[in-house]
Structures are given as C-alpha cells and as structure tokens.
C-alpha atoms as a PDB file:
ATOM      1  CA  MET A   1      13.238  14.407  41.719  1.00  0.00           C
ATOM      2  CA  ILE A   2      14.313  11.461  39.582  1.00  0.00           C
ATOM      3  CA  THR A   3      18.084  11.299  39.201  1.00  0.00           C
ATOM      4  CA  GLU A   4      18.804   7.690  38.203  1.00  0.00           C
ATOM      5  CA  THR A   5      18.794   6.771  34.538  1.00  0.00           C
ATOM      6  CA  GLY A   6      15.898   4.677  33.350  1.00  0.00           C
ATOM      7  CA  SER A   7      12.210   4.949  32.648  1.00  0.00           C
ATOM      8  CA  THR A   8       9.420   5.610  35.110  1.00  0.00           C
ATOM      9  CA  ALA A   9       5.710   5.324  34.447  1.00  0.00           C
ATOM     10  CA  VAL A  10       3.496   7.890  36.144  1.00  0.00           C
ATOM     11  CA  ILE A  11      -0.044   6.641  36.651  1.00  0.00           C
ATOM     12  CA  CYS A  12      -3.086   8.635  37.753  1.00  0.00           C
ATOM     13  CA  LEU A  13      -4.902   5.917  39.697  1.00  0.00           C
ATOM     14  CA  PRO A  14      -8.446   7.287  39.328  1.00  0.00           C
ATOM     15  CA  HIS A  15      -8.029   7.980  35.591  1.00  0.00           C
ATOM     16  CA  GLN A  16      -5.551   5.361  34.321  1.00  0.00           C
ATOM     17  CA  SER A  17      -8.265   3.431  32.505  1.00  0.00           C
ATOM     18  CA  MET A  18      -8.950   6.592  30.480  1.00  0.00           C
ATOM     19  CA  GLY A  19      -5.283   6.927  29.513  1.00  0.00           C
ATOM     20  CA  MET A  20      -4.041   9.458  32.060  1.00  0.00           C
ATOM     21  CA  VAL A  21      -0.466   8.221  32.281  1.00  0.00           C
ATOM     22  CA  ALA A  22       2.974   9.624  31.568  1.00  0.00           C
ATOM     23  CA  LEU A  23       6.458   8.298  30.933  1.00  0.00           C
ATOM     24  CA  ILE A  24       9.616   9.885  32.313  1.00  0.00           C
ATOM     25  CA  VAL A  25      12.852   8.834  30.610  1.00  0.00           C
ATOM     26  CA  VAL A  26      16.166   9.870  32.149  1.00  0.00           C
ATOM     27  CA  GLY A  27      19.359   9.540  30.154  1.00  0.00           C
ATOM     28  CA  ASN A  28      17.700   7.937  27.106  1.00  0.00           C
ATOM     29  CA  ASP A  29      17.656   4.681  29.091  1.00  0.00           C
ATOM     30  CA  LEU A  30      14.717   2.487  28.113  1.00  0.00           C
ATOM     31  CA  SER A  31      16.280  -0.733  29.422  1.00  0.00           C
ATOM     32  CA  ASN A  32      13.351  -1.322  31.805  1.00  0.00           C
ATOM     33  CA  ALA A  33      10.650  -0.615  29.202  1.00  0.00           C
ATOM     34  CA  GLU A  34       9.553  -4.275  29.117  1.00  0.00           C
ATOM     35  CA  GLN A  35       8.968  -4.221  32.883  1.00  0.00           C
ATOM     36  CA  ILE A  36       6.754  -1.176  32.476  1.00  0.00           C
ATOM     37  CA  LEU A  37       4.841  -2.847  29.638  1.00  0.00           C
ATOM     38  CA  ASP A  38       4.348  -5.952  31.809  1.00  0.00           C
ATOM     39  CA  ALA A  39       2.782  -3.884  34.608  1.00  0.00           C
ATOM     40  CA  ARG A  40      -0.917  -4.270  35.235  1.00  0.00           C
ATOM     41  CA  ILE A  41      -2.339  -1.042  33.824  1.00  0.00           C
ATOM     42  CA  PRO A  42      -6.015  -1.213  32.845  1.00  0.00           C
ATOM     43  CA  GLY A  43      -7.811   0.209  29.842  1.00  0.00           C
ATOM     44  CA  GLN A  44      -6.387   2.936  27.686  1.00  0.00           C
ATOM     45  CA  GLY A  45      -3.548   3.512  30.151  1.00  0.00           C
ATOM     46  CA  LYS A  46      -1.753   0.391  28.918  1.00  0.00           C
ATOM     47  CA  ASP A  47      -2.101   1.479  25.283  1.00  0.00           C
ATOM     48  CA  LYS A  48      -0.913   5.006  26.094  1.00  0.00           C
ATOM     49  CA  ILE A  49       2.184   3.761  27.959  1.00  0.00           C
ATOM     50  CA  ALA A  50       3.021   1.472  25.025  1.00  0.00           C
ATOM     51  CA  ALA A  51       2.696   4.409  22.616  1.00  0.00           C
ATOM     52  CA  LEU A  52       4.868   6.626  24.819  1.00  0.00           C
ATOM     53  CA  ILE A  53       7.572   3.958  24.980  1.00  0.00           C
ATOM     54  CA  GLU A  54       7.518   3.565  21.197  1.00  0.00           C
ATOM     55  CA  GLU A  55       7.743   7.344  20.809  1.00  0.00           C
ATOM     56  CA  ALA A  56      10.709   7.479  23.201  1.00  0.00           C
ATOM     57  CA  LYS A  57      12.473   4.687  21.290  1.00  0.00           C
ATOM     58  CA  ALA A  58      12.009   6.608  18.043  1.00  0.00           C
ATOM     59  CA  THR A  59      13.709   9.737  19.367  1.00  0.00           C
END
C-alpha cells in the first residue's frame, strides 16, 4: 500500500522495453516526476512513463 504523497513508477522488468509500465500518483503530487523521467527505463517504457506523467499533469 502506498500512503505517502508523490508519484511512483511501476515497471515490469521483463516487458518494460515494450511499454509495460504504470504510474501511481498519490495526492496529485508530481513533485518527483523529473526523477522518474531521469530513471533508466529502456525502449517504449520511457516513452510510456513520459506520456503518463503528462496525462497526470493535465488532470
């Protein structure tokens, strides 16, 4: 259970390069989004996380 505010990236290690990632945002807090974007995520996973962060910012 995630109870602290902030964002957490969920990465499926075997499938991250195919974009199998998720973003959990608690309390509308995206203050650590840049740290998540700086993480080493290969392939489509990086693009998907970036899109999810942009979507979260828009809501």
